[in-house]
Protein backbone atom coordinates (compact mmCIF):
# COMPACT_ATOMS: atom_id res chain seq x y z
CA MET A 1 133.52 94.35 109.40
CA SER A 2 132.25 90.84 108.83
CA THR A 3 134.59 89.63 106.11
CA PRO A 4 133.40 86.00 106.14
CA GLN A 5 129.76 87.01 105.74
CA ILE A 6 130.60 89.56 103.04
CA LEU A 7 132.47 86.90 101.06
CA LEU A 8 129.52 84.53 101.46
CA ALA A 9 127.17 87.21 100.12
CA LEU A 10 129.46 87.87 97.15
CA LEU A 11 129.48 84.13 96.42
CA ALA A 12 125.66 84.02 96.51
CA GLU A 13 125.72 85.56 93.05
CA ARG A 14 127.87 82.81 91.48
CA PRO A 15 131.13 80.90 92.14
CA LYS A 16 134.23 83.13 92.21
CA HIS A 17 137.95 82.97 92.89
CA GLY A 18 139.77 84.94 95.58
CA TYR A 19 141.08 87.70 93.33
CA GLU A 20 137.57 88.30 92.00
CA LEU A 21 136.13 88.38 95.53
CA LYS A 22 138.72 90.95 96.64
CA ARG A 23 138.05 93.13 93.59
CA GLU A 24 134.28 92.93 94.03
CA HIS A 25 134.53 93.71 97.75
CA ASP A 26 136.52 96.84 97.02
CA GLU A 27 134.22 97.90 94.15
CA ARG A 28 130.90 97.14 95.82
CA LEU A 29 131.84 98.65 99.18
CA PRO A 30 133.38 101.95 98.06
CA GLY A 31 134.82 103.92 100.92
CA ALA A 32 135.40 100.78 102.97
CA LYS A 33 138.92 99.75 103.82
CA PRO A 34 140.26 97.68 100.90
CA LEU A 35 140.39 93.99 101.68
CA PRO A 36 143.94 92.55 101.71
CA TYR A 37 144.46 89.51 99.45
CA GLY A 38 145.89 87.52 102.34
CA GLN A 39 142.73 88.08 104.36
CA VAL A 40 140.56 86.93 101.45
CA TYR A 41 142.45 83.67 101.04
CA SER A 42 142.74 82.89 104.76
CA THR A 43 139.02 83.62 105.20
CA LEU A 44 138.16 81.36 102.25
CA GLN A 45 140.22 78.56 103.81
CA ARG A 46 138.32 78.90 107.12
CA LEU A 47 134.97 79.07 105.31
CA GLU A 48 135.88 75.89 103.41
CA ARG A 49 137.05 74.15 106.59
CA ASP A 50 133.75 75.04 108.29
CA GLY A 51 131.64 73.86 105.34
CA PHE A 52 130.31 77.26 104.24
CA VAL A 53 132.04 77.17 100.83
CA ALA A 54 133.42 74.42 98.63
CA VAL A 55 135.90 74.35 95.79
CA ALA A 56 133.88 74.42 92.56
CA GLU A 57 136.87 74.08 90.26
CA VAL A 58 140.46 75.07 89.69
CA VAL A 59 140.96 77.06 86.51
CA GLN A 60 144.01 78.29 84.72
CA GLU A 61 143.49 81.01 82.19
CA SER A 62 146.47 83.03 81.06
CA GLY A 63 148.02 83.30 84.51
CA PRO A 64 148.34 81.17 87.63
CA GLU A 65 145.81 78.57 88.72
CA ARG A 66 142.80 80.03 90.47
CA THR A 67 140.62 78.14 92.89
CA VAL A 68 136.95 78.95 92.33
CA TYR A 69 134.73 78.70 95.39
CA GLU A 70 130.99 78.21 95.57
CA LEU A 71 128.54 78.75 98.37
CA THR A 72 127.24 75.62 100.08
CA ALA A 73 123.72 75.27 101.51
CA LYS A 74 125.23 75.76 104.98
CA GLY A 75 127.01 78.89 103.74
CA GLU A 76 123.82 80.28 102.23
CA GLU A 77 121.99 79.64 105.50
CA ARG A 78 124.73 81.46 107.45
CA MET A 79 124.76 84.39 105.01
CA ARG A 80 120.95 84.76 105.14
CA ALA A 81 121.02 84.67 108.95
CA TRP A 82 123.71 87.41 108.97
CA LEU A 83 121.68 89.58 106.60
CA ALA A 84 118.66 89.23 108.91
CA GLU A 85 120.60 90.27 112.04
CA THR A 86 120.19 93.74 113.53
CA GLU A 87 123.42 95.61 114.17
CA PRO A 88 123.41 96.69 117.83
CA PRO A 89 124.16 100.36 118.47
CA LEU A 90 127.60 100.81 119.97
CA PRO A 91 127.37 100.95 123.77
CA TYR A 92 130.46 103.10 124.33
CA VAL A 93 131.96 106.31 123.03
CA GLY A 94 135.22 105.23 121.47
CA GLY A 95 136.10 107.66 118.73
CA ALA A 96 139.58 109.11 118.44
CA LEU A 97 138.14 112.60 118.06
CA PHE A 98 136.31 112.40 121.40
CA SER A 99 139.38 110.96 123.16
CA ARG A 100 141.70 113.59 121.71
CA VAL A 101 139.49 116.48 122.87
CA VAL A 102 139.10 115.12 126.40
CA MET A 103 142.82 114.34 126.68
CA ALA A 104 143.69 117.84 125.43
CA LEU A 105 141.64 119.17 128.33
CA VAL A 106 143.31 116.79 130.78
CA ALA A 107 146.82 117.58 129.55
CA GLY A 108 146.25 121.32 129.32
CA GLY A 109 146.35 121.36 125.54
CA ASP A 110 144.36 123.60 123.25
CA ALA A 111 141.20 121.60 122.64
CA ARG A 112 139.56 124.44 120.72
CA ALA A 113 142.43 124.65 118.21
CA GLY A 114 142.23 120.90 117.74
CA LEU A 115 138.49 121.12 117.16
CA ASP A 116 139.02 123.93 114.64
CA ARG A 117 141.58 121.88 112.72
CA GLN A 118 139.33 118.83 112.79
CA ARG A 119 136.36 120.89 111.60
CA ALA A 120 138.36 122.09 108.60
CA ALA A 121 139.41 118.51 107.78
CA HIS A 122 135.80 117.29 108.09
CA LEU A 123 134.51 120.05 105.81
CA GLU A 124 137.14 119.25 103.18
CA ARG A 125 136.24 115.55 103.30
CA MET A 126 132.56 116.44 102.98
CA ARG A 127 133.33 118.47 99.85
CA GLU A 128 135.25 115.50 98.39
CA LEU A 129 132.39 113.12 99.13
CA THR A 130 129.81 115.48 97.66
CA ARG A 131 131.86 115.75 94.45
CA ALA A 132 132.21 111.97 94.31
CA LYS A 133 128.52 111.25 94.77
CA THR A 134 127.44 113.82 92.21
CA ALA A 135 130.03 112.81 89.61
CA PRO A 136 128.62 111.54 86.33
CA GLY A 137 128.50 107.76 86.39
CA ALA A 138 128.65 107.42 90.19
CA SER A 139 127.28 103.99 91.09
CA ALA A 140 124.47 103.47 93.59
CA ALA A 141 127.01 101.93 95.99
CA GLU A 142 129.28 104.98 95.67
CA VAL A 143 126.35 107.34 96.36
CA LEU A 144 125.20 105.27 99.35
CA ALA A 145 128.75 105.14 100.75
CA ALA A 146 129.15 108.91 100.33
CA ASP A 147 125.78 109.57 101.99
CA TYR A 148 126.70 107.29 104.89
CA ALA A 149 130.04 109.04 105.41
CA LEU A 150 128.52 112.51 104.98
CA LEU A 151 125.92 111.89 107.67
CA HIS A 152 128.57 110.63 110.08
CA LEU A 153 130.78 113.62 109.36
CA ASP A 154 127.79 115.92 109.88
CA ALA A 155 127.13 114.31 113.26
CA ASP A 156 130.79 114.84 114.18
CA LEU A 157 130.55 118.50 113.14
CA ARG A 158 127.46 119.00 115.30
CA TRP A 159 129.28 117.39 118.23
CA MET A 160 132.35 119.60 117.64
CA GLU A 161 130.16 122.72 117.67
CA LEU A 162 128.58 121.62 120.94
CA ALA A 163 132.01 120.79 122.40
CA VAL A 164 133.34 124.28 121.54
CA HIS A 165 130.39 125.80 123.40
CA ARG A 166 131.00 123.57 126.40
CA LEU A 167 134.80 123.88 126.62
CA ALA A 168 134.66 126.24 129.58
CA ASP A 169 132.45 123.85 131.57
CA LEU A 170 134.47 120.81 130.47
CA THR A 171 137.74 122.46 131.50
CA LYS A 172 136.40 123.11 135.01
CA GLU A 173 135.10 119.54 135.35
CA ILE A 174 138.31 117.86 134.07
CA SER A 175 140.54 119.88 136.40
CA ARG A 176 138.66 118.69 139.49
């Protein structure tokens, strides 16, 4: 995840304080790992140090003082460049599911039972995501996040089905 660039994009809308940025991150990127407050504030400090954001004002409403940050021209340039970048496809297989199946074969474990358990967990998560995206009032971001996750889970399920069919061949190859 590119936390600095995400914060810059959130600031493109208008100046905001750290608490607001954290809340908006978590709301606008549903399904993403929630952003810790400490990471928001340390990232804002680095962005300020590097000239991408500046303090617009310090406000005190009913609670503690809040530092409001605004995007600088340099920050807007960096954010626009990030938005224009193409995300390279991952060059390596690195998923825990893949590693667990191969290591079960290496260690003489029951890879098929593991795949069956994982399939059940994936199907349950897919049902949850489908309910979430079809719920009345689901935001466009929530629907997009659910669709993204559903397609990845579907790809995993297709791989699991293929792996079950290939277990006999994989077992022979691993034991060599």
